[in-house]
Amino acid sequence: MIAIRGATTAEADSPEEIRGAVKELLTEIRDKNGLTAENIVCIMFSSTADITSFYPAKAAREAGFAGCPLFSSLEPPIAGSLKRCIRVMVLAETEQKPVPVYLRGAVNLRRDITKKLVVALDGPAGSGKTTAAKTLAKELNILYLDTGAMYRACALACVNAGADLSDESAVRAVIDGIDLKIEYCDGRQVTLLGGKDVSEEIRRPEISQLASKVSAYGFVRRKMVEMQRRIAATMSCVMDGRDIGTNVLPNAEHKFYVTASVEVRAKRRYDEDRAKGYNVSYNDIIREIRERDKRDSEREIAPLKCADDAVIVDTSSMTPEEAVEFIKSKIQEKI
């Protein structure tokens, strides 16, 4: 069993306002937590002393939440408390992690979970930034924006249109008219191309290889960066890359530069390749990583760079879990 907390406010102490506020709050809690009438065990309300015209529990019953016990209590008058505030605790039989919901004026009660979070993670290959970004987004229950998927979708659009990827004008024609959308459903990113879910199709090896060719065009990167900025402006998200904090989201409140020594990054890749059965040389991997770092930091478009206001996260002696906890602690310090 889990306890899901939430709160909202009413515009006025009237039955109509209280009915609307309670219905909105409980509906949001039900939908965000994937609840059904069968697994809601109990709903308990408390309301501030300035709400006297209607019981929140009665509003809940009228809103269709009548299949479980409902309780209402009145809080004593407290100087400086939030006006016309309705708090709730929903007990439910489910194994999932509870998602609290704070609406209207009550968002100020929990700025740590209601404030829009935009987190930028940059760093060299093998530093652990993508692992950290995905884990962080999952634990914060926000979008992990896989920017690489966007470039893969561009490549797929060109393939579907029969465009020659070495022909800049042909690629531009496709990208100018591309219908690409990114959505966040059931805790994962969904990539839609022309309204079709292509999240799996873009993972084909040949599409991944073509994505690097498409992303080399400046106009492609500019269009994708515009999309990434629009997404970050409307919802909480975590992005990782080479130039997220310096170019894509220069105004992001939370910036991190995830790095590690060349030797540690090479050892990680060596172990991964060996586990896959590849016969690789540790010294060759070190050389390749150094060459990649040089290419990434010196390239004309979107070079690898640490933003001046980024927090450096050296994962050389950290576990992935420790890196995420460190990043979370730095985010919490700013909230």
Protein backbone atom coordinates (compact mmCIF):
# COMPACT_ATOMS: atom_id res chain seq x y z
CA MET A 1 0.00 0.00 0.00
CA ILE A 2 1.19 3.54 -0.74
CA ALA A 3 0.17 6.97 0.50
CA ILE A 4 -0.18 9.66 -2.15
CA ARG A 5 -0.19 13.24 -0.94
CA GLY A 6 -1.66 16.23 -2.69
CA ALA A 7 -3.14 19.68 -2.19
CA THR A 8 -4.98 22.41 -4.03
CA THR A 9 -6.73 25.70 -3.33
CA ALA A 10 -10.23 27.03 -3.98
CA GLU A 11 -10.80 30.48 -5.47
CA ALA A 12 -13.62 31.11 -3.00
CA ASP A 13 -15.34 29.40 -0.07
CA SER A 14 -18.28 28.20 -2.11
CA PRO A 15 -19.65 24.72 -2.90
CA GLU A 16 -19.02 25.22 -6.62
CA GLU A 17 -15.38 26.18 -6.14
CA ILE A 18 -14.71 23.37 -3.68
CA ARG A 19 -16.38 20.79 -5.92
CA GLY A 20 -14.24 21.89 -8.86
CA ALA A 21 -10.98 21.99 -6.90
CA VAL A 22 -11.50 18.56 -5.32
CA LYS A 23 -12.53 16.90 -8.57
CA GLU A 24 -9.51 18.33 -10.39
CA LEU A 25 -7.13 17.25 -7.63
CA LEU A 26 -8.41 13.68 -7.26
CA THR A 27 -8.63 13.17 -11.02
CA GLU A 28 -5.00 14.29 -11.41
CA ILE A 29 -3.87 12.00 -8.58
CA ARG A 30 -5.78 9.05 -10.07
CA ASP A 31 -4.43 9.58 -13.59
CA LYS A 32 -0.81 10.31 -12.65
CA ASN A 33 -0.67 7.26 -10.40
CA GLY A 34 -2.59 4.93 -12.70
CA LEU A 35 -5.23 4.21 -10.06
CA THR A 36 -8.60 2.56 -10.42
CA ALA A 37 -11.64 2.64 -8.17
CA GLU A 38 -10.75 -0.88 -7.01
CA ASN A 39 -7.29 -0.07 -5.64
CA ILE A 40 -8.16 3.18 -3.87
CA VAL A 41 -8.49 2.16 -0.21
CA CYS A 42 -9.22 5.44 1.51
CA ILE A 43 -9.22 9.22 0.88
CA MET A 44 -8.57 11.62 3.76
CA PHE A 45 -8.92 15.40 3.54
CA SER A 46 -7.94 18.30 5.74
CA SER A 47 -8.89 21.86 4.89
CA THR A 48 -7.92 25.24 6.28
CA ALA A 49 -10.26 26.99 8.72
CA ASP A 50 -11.52 29.41 6.04
CA ILE A 51 -13.33 26.59 4.17
CA THR A 52 -16.72 26.08 5.81
CA SER A 53 -19.32 26.02 3.04
CA PHE A 54 -18.80 22.45 1.81
CA TYR A 55 -17.00 19.29 2.94
CA PRO A 56 -14.23 18.14 0.55
CA ALA A 57 -15.24 14.52 1.27
CA LYS A 58 -18.74 15.25 0.00
CA ALA A 59 -17.25 16.89 -3.08
CA ALA A 60 -15.20 13.76 -3.67
CA ARG A 61 -18.28 11.56 -3.45
CA GLU A 62 -20.11 13.76 -5.94
CA ALA A 63 -17.07 13.61 -8.26
CA GLY A 64 -17.36 9.82 -8.48
CA PHE A 65 -14.85 8.80 -5.80
CA ALA A 66 -17.45 7.02 -3.72
CA GLY A 67 -16.13 3.45 -3.67
CA CYS A 68 -13.98 3.89 -0.57
CA PRO A 69 -14.16 5.53 2.87
CA LEU A 70 -13.92 9.34 2.74
CA PHE A 71 -12.88 11.56 5.64
CA SER A 72 -12.70 15.32 6.13
CA SER A 73 -11.15 17.28 8.97
CA LEU A 74 -10.85 20.99 9.63
CA GLU A 75 -7.46 22.46 10.50
CA PRO A 76 -7.20 25.03 13.31
CA PRO A 77 -6.63 28.65 12.29
CA ILE A 78 -2.93 29.27 11.67
CA ALA A 79 -1.57 32.75 11.05
CA GLY A 80 0.03 33.08 7.62
CA SER A 81 -1.24 29.72 6.32
CA LEU A 82 -2.22 29.26 2.69
CA LYS A 83 -5.78 30.45 2.14
CA ARG A 84 -8.60 28.06 1.21
CA CYS A 85 -6.23 25.10 1.01
CA ILE A 86 -7.43 21.52 0.71
CA ARG A 87 -4.92 18.79 1.50
CA VAL A 88 -5.46 15.12 0.74
CA MET A 89 -3.90 11.73 1.38
CA VAL A 90 -4.98 8.86 -0.85
CA LEU A 91 -4.19 5.33 0.33
CA ALA A 92 -3.98 2.86 -2.54
CA GLU A 93 -3.11 -0.79 -3.09
CA THR A 94 -0.38 -0.53 -5.72
CA GLU A 95 3.33 -1.27 -5.99
CA GLN A 96 4.32 1.79 -7.99
CA LYS A 97 6.14 4.78 -6.58
CA PRO A 98 3.62 7.44 -5.45
CA VAL A 99 3.41 10.61 -7.54
CA PRO A 100 2.29 13.55 -5.37
CA VAL A 101 0.12 16.25 -6.95
CA TYR A 102 0.02 19.91 -5.93
CA LEU A 103 -2.22 22.24 -7.93
CA ARG A 104 -3.22 25.90 -8.11
CA GLY A 105 -1.90 27.95 -5.20
CA ALA A 106 -0.74 24.80 -3.41
CA VAL A 107 2.21 24.39 -5.77
CA ASN A 108 4.06 26.73 -3.41
CA LEU A 109 3.86 24.08 -0.69
CA ARG A 110 6.15 21.78 -2.67
CA ARG A 111 8.35 23.80 -4.98
CA ASP A 112 10.76 20.87 -5.03
CA ILE A 113 8.33 18.78 -7.07
CA THR A 114 6.12 21.40 -8.76
CA LYS A 115 8.79 23.71 -10.14
CA LYS A 116 9.69 23.03 -13.76
CA LEU A 117 13.12 21.43 -13.82
CA VAL A 118 15.44 21.70 -16.80
CA VAL A 119 18.70 19.85 -16.32
CA ALA A 120 21.58 20.03 -18.81
CA LEU A 121 24.29 17.37 -18.73
CA ASP A 122 27.33 17.67 -20.97
CA GLY A 123 30.51 15.68 -21.13
CA PRO A 124 32.81 13.51 -23.22
CA ALA A 125 32.07 10.02 -24.47
CA GLY A 126 32.18 7.35 -21.79
CA SER A 127 31.84 9.76 -18.88
CA GLY A 128 28.53 8.25 -17.77
CA LYS A 129 26.39 11.28 -18.61
CA THR A 130 23.73 9.36 -20.56
CA THR A 131 23.33 6.76 -17.81
CA ALA A 132 23.10 9.56 -15.26
CA ALA A 133 20.60 11.51 -17.38
CA LYS A 134 18.27 8.55 -17.86
CA THR A 135 18.38 7.54 -14.20
CA LEU A 136 17.92 11.12 -13.02
CA ALA A 137 14.89 11.64 -15.26
CA LYS A 138 13.33 8.39 -14.05
CA GLU A 139 13.84 9.23 -10.38
CA LEU A 140 12.50 12.76 -10.84
CA ASN A 141 9.62 11.44 -12.99
CA ILE A 142 10.37 13.89 -15.81
CA LEU A 143 11.24 13.54 -19.49
CA TYR A 144 14.65 12.31 -20.56
CA LEU A 145 14.98 14.01 -23.93
CA ASP A 146 17.01 11.68 -26.12
CA THR A 147 18.34 14.26 -28.58
CA GLY A 148 20.01 11.49 -30.55
CA ALA A 149 16.59 10.04 -31.33
CA MET A 150 15.65 13.31 -32.98
CA TYR A 151 18.57 13.10 -35.40
CA ARG A 152 17.78 9.45 -36.09
CA ALA A 153 14.22 10.50 -36.94
CA CYS A 154 15.61 13.05 -39.38
CA ALA A 155 17.64 10.30 -41.03
CA LEU A 156 14.59 8.03 -41.22
CA ALA A 157 12.55 10.83 -42.78
CA CYS A 158 15.21 11.24 -45.49
CA VAL A 159 15.28 7.49 -46.14
CA ASN A 160 11.49 7.34 -46.37
CA ALA A 161 11.52 10.25 -48.82
CA GLY A 162 14.24 8.62 -50.93
CA ALA A 163 16.55 11.58 -50.40
CA ASP A 164 20.27 11.29 -51.11
CA LEU A 165 21.96 12.18 -47.82
CA SER A 166 24.98 13.55 -49.67
CA ASP A 167 22.70 16.03 -51.49
CA GLU A 168 22.30 19.00 -49.16
CA SER A 169 19.34 20.48 -51.05
CA ALA A 170 17.48 17.14 -50.96
CA VAL A 171 18.04 16.78 -47.22
CA ARG A 172 17.02 20.39 -46.63
CA ALA A 173 13.74 19.83 -48.51
CA VAL A 174 12.89 16.90 -46.23
CA ILE A 175 13.89 18.64 -43.00
CA ASP A 176 12.04 21.85 -43.89
CA GLY A 177 8.78 19.89 -44.07
CA ILE A 178 9.45 17.29 -41.37
CA ASP A 179 6.56 16.44 -39.03
CA LEU A 180 8.49 15.40 -35.94
CA LYS A 181 7.07 15.36 -32.43
CA ILE A 182 8.43 14.15 -29.10
CA GLU A 183 5.99 12.98 -26.43
CA TYR A 184 6.39 11.56 -22.92
CA CYS A 185 4.15 8.53 -22.35
CA ASP A 186 4.26 5.98 -19.54
CA GLY A 187 7.68 7.14 -18.43
CA ARG A 188 9.35 6.92 -21.82
CA GLN A 189 10.06 9.15 -24.77
CA VAL A 190 7.97 8.49 -27.86
CA THR A 191 9.24 9.76 -31.20
CA LEU A 192 6.49 10.49 -33.72
CA LEU A 193 7.25 10.99 -37.39
CA GLY A 194 4.25 11.99 -39.48
CA GLY A 195 2.06 10.95 -36.55
CA LYS A 196 3.56 7.43 -36.48
CA ASP A 197 5.48 6.06 -33.51
CA VAL A 198 8.96 5.33 -34.87
CA SER A 199 10.69 4.89 -31.51
CA GLU A 200 11.80 1.36 -32.39
CA GLU A 201 12.35 1.89 -36.12
CA ILE A 202 14.94 4.63 -35.58
CA ARG A 203 17.05 2.21 -33.55
CA ARG A 204 17.88 0.12 -36.60
CA PRO A 205 21.70 0.07 -37.07
CA GLU A 206 21.53 1.53 -40.56
CA ILE A 207 19.43 4.47 -39.36
CA SER A 208 21.85 5.14 -36.49
CA GLN A 209 24.74 5.28 -38.96
CA LEU A 210 22.88 7.66 -41.27
CA ALA A 211 21.99 9.95 -38.36
CA SER A 212 25.61 11.11 -38.08
CA LYS A 213 25.54 12.17 -41.73
CA VAL A 214 22.31 14.10 -41.36
CA SER A 215 23.40 15.81 -38.15
CA ALA A 216 26.51 17.14 -39.89
CA TYR A 217 24.34 19.69 -41.70
CA GLY A 218 24.12 22.96 -39.78
CA PHE A 219 20.51 23.58 -40.78
CA VAL A 220 19.49 20.19 -39.36
CA ARG A 221 21.14 20.91 -36.02
CA ARG A 222 19.60 24.39 -35.88
CA LYS A 223 16.10 23.00 -36.45
CA MET A 224 16.54 20.27 -33.84
CA VAL A 225 17.94 22.75 -31.32
CA GLU A 226 14.87 24.94 -31.83
CA MET A 227 12.66 21.94 -31.10
CA GLN A 228 14.68 21.01 -28.03
CA ARG A 229 14.36 24.53 -26.69
CA ARG A 230 10.58 24.52 -27.25
CA ILE A 231 10.25 21.24 -25.36
CA ALA A 232 12.35 22.52 -22.47
CA ALA A 233 10.22 25.67 -22.34
CA THR A 234 7.02 23.69 -21.79
CA MET A 235 7.98 20.78 -19.55
CA SER A 236 10.52 19.50 -17.07
CA CYS A 237 13.26 17.49 -18.73
CA VAL A 238 16.83 16.23 -18.64
CA MET A 239 19.05 16.58 -21.71
CA ASP A 240 22.53 15.28 -22.28
CA GLY A 241 25.02 15.98 -25.03
CA ARG A 242 28.09 18.00 -25.90
CA ASP A 243 26.71 21.55 -25.99
CA ILE A 244 23.44 21.45 -24.04
CA GLY A 245 24.52 23.88 -21.33
CA THR A 246 26.55 26.13 -23.63
CA ASN A 247 24.36 26.30 -26.71
CA VAL A 248 21.05 24.46 -26.58
CA LEU A 249 19.95 25.56 -23.09
CA PRO A 250 22.34 28.33 -22.02
CA ASN A 251 19.78 29.60 -19.48
CA ALA A 252 19.14 26.22 -17.83
CA GLU A 253 19.15 26.60 -14.06
CA HIS A 254 20.82 23.23 -13.48
CA LYS A 255 23.95 22.51 -15.53
CA PHE A 256 26.44 19.72 -15.04
CA TYR A 257 29.60 18.69 -16.82
CA VAL A 258 30.06 14.95 -16.36
CA THR A 259 33.59 13.76 -16.95
CA ALA A 260 36.13 11.10 -16.03
CA SER A 261 39.76 10.39 -16.77
CA VAL A 262 40.63 9.00 -20.19
CA GLU A 263 41.89 5.81 -18.54
CA VAL A 264 38.64 5.22 -16.65
CA ARG A 265 36.50 5.91 -19.70
CA ALA A 266 38.64 3.58 -21.79
CA LYS A 267 38.39 0.83 -19.15
CA ARG A 268 34.58 1.16 -19.11
CA ARG A 269 34.37 0.81 -22.87
CA TYR A 270 36.92 -2.02 -22.85
CA ASP A 271 34.89 -3.97 -20.30
CA GLU A 272 31.65 -3.37 -22.20
CA ASP A 273 33.15 -4.53 -25.52
CA ARG A 274 34.76 -7.58 -23.94
CA ALA A 275 31.44 -8.50 -22.32
CA LYS A 276 29.89 -8.41 -25.79
CA GLY A 277 32.54 -10.80 -27.06
CA TYR A 278 34.59 -8.27 -29.01
CA ASN A 279 38.36 -8.73 -29.20
CA VAL A 280 39.55 -5.21 -28.45
CA SER A 281 42.74 -3.53 -27.33
CA TYR A 282 42.74 -1.27 -24.27
CA ASN A 283 45.50 0.90 -25.76
CA ASP A 284 43.59 1.27 -29.03
CA ILE A 285 40.50 2.39 -27.10
CA ILE A 286 42.51 5.00 -25.21
CA ARG A 287 43.82 6.35 -28.51
CA GLU A 288 40.33 6.43 -30.03
CA ILE A 289 38.86 8.24 -27.02
CA ARG A 290 41.59 10.88 -27.10
CA GLU A 291 40.97 11.39 -30.81
CA ARG A 292 37.22 11.62 -30.21
CA ASP A 293 37.70 14.17 -27.43
CA LYS A 294 39.88 16.29 -29.72
CA ARG A 295 37.34 16.09 -32.55
CA ASP A 296 34.41 16.90 -30.29
CA SER A 297 36.09 19.87 -28.63
CA GLU A 298 37.48 21.37 -31.83
CA ARG A 299 34.59 20.84 -34.24
CA GLU A 300 32.97 23.96 -35.65
CA ILE A 301 29.37 22.96 -34.91
CA ALA A 302 28.35 22.23 -31.30
CA PRO A 303 31.81 21.70 -29.79
CA LEU A 304 32.23 19.90 -26.48
CA LYS A 305 32.67 22.52 -23.78
CA CYS A 306 32.01 22.94 -20.08
CA ALA A 307 29.65 25.85 -19.38
CA ASP A 308 31.10 28.48 -17.07
CA ASP A 309 28.28 27.94 -14.56
CA ALA A 310 28.18 24.13 -14.74
CA VAL A 311 28.92 21.89 -11.77
CA ILE A 312 31.71 19.47 -12.63
CA VAL A 313 30.91 15.83 -11.83
CA ASP A 314 34.03 13.67 -12.01
CA THR A 315 32.78 10.09 -12.12
CA SER A 316 36.27 8.54 -12.19
CA SER A 317 35.80 7.12 -8.69
CA MET A 318 32.00 7.21 -8.52
CA THR A 319 29.46 4.50 -9.12
CA PRO A 320 26.54 5.44 -11.42
CA GLU A 321 24.30 5.61 -8.35
CA GLU A 322 26.69 7.94 -6.53
CA ALA A 323 26.89 10.25 -9.55
CA VAL A 324 23.10 10.56 -9.70
CA GLU A 325 22.83 11.20 -5.96
CA PHE A 326 25.48 13.92 -6.22
CA ILE A 327 23.60 15.61 -9.09
CA LYS A 328 20.32 15.37 -7.19
CA SER A 329 21.88 16.94 -4.12
CA LYS A 330 23.14 19.89 -6.17
CA ILE A 331 19.71 20.36 -7.74
CA GLN A 332 18.08 20.29 -4.29
CA GLU A 333 20.47 22.98 -3.05
CA LYS A 334 19.12 25.38 -5.68
CA ILE A 335 15.42 24.63 -5.22
